């Protein structure tokens, strides 16, 4: 996470939001382990928790 945030900052990008959402894999799906062997067992397309976080960030951006 720190590497991603550092890279965004160093590239001059100031319009980003980095957050670790507990219990999700890198595809934003609720997962037990996050291991790719789980992919076939996950029915969720996109976590509502992740959607709420992203929507909140977008709404904050619109306020500016």
Foldseek 3Di string as FASTA:
>chain_A
DVVVVVVCVVVVHPLDDDDDDPQAAPQQFRDDPNDPVCVVVGPDNHDPVVVVVVVVSVVVVVVD
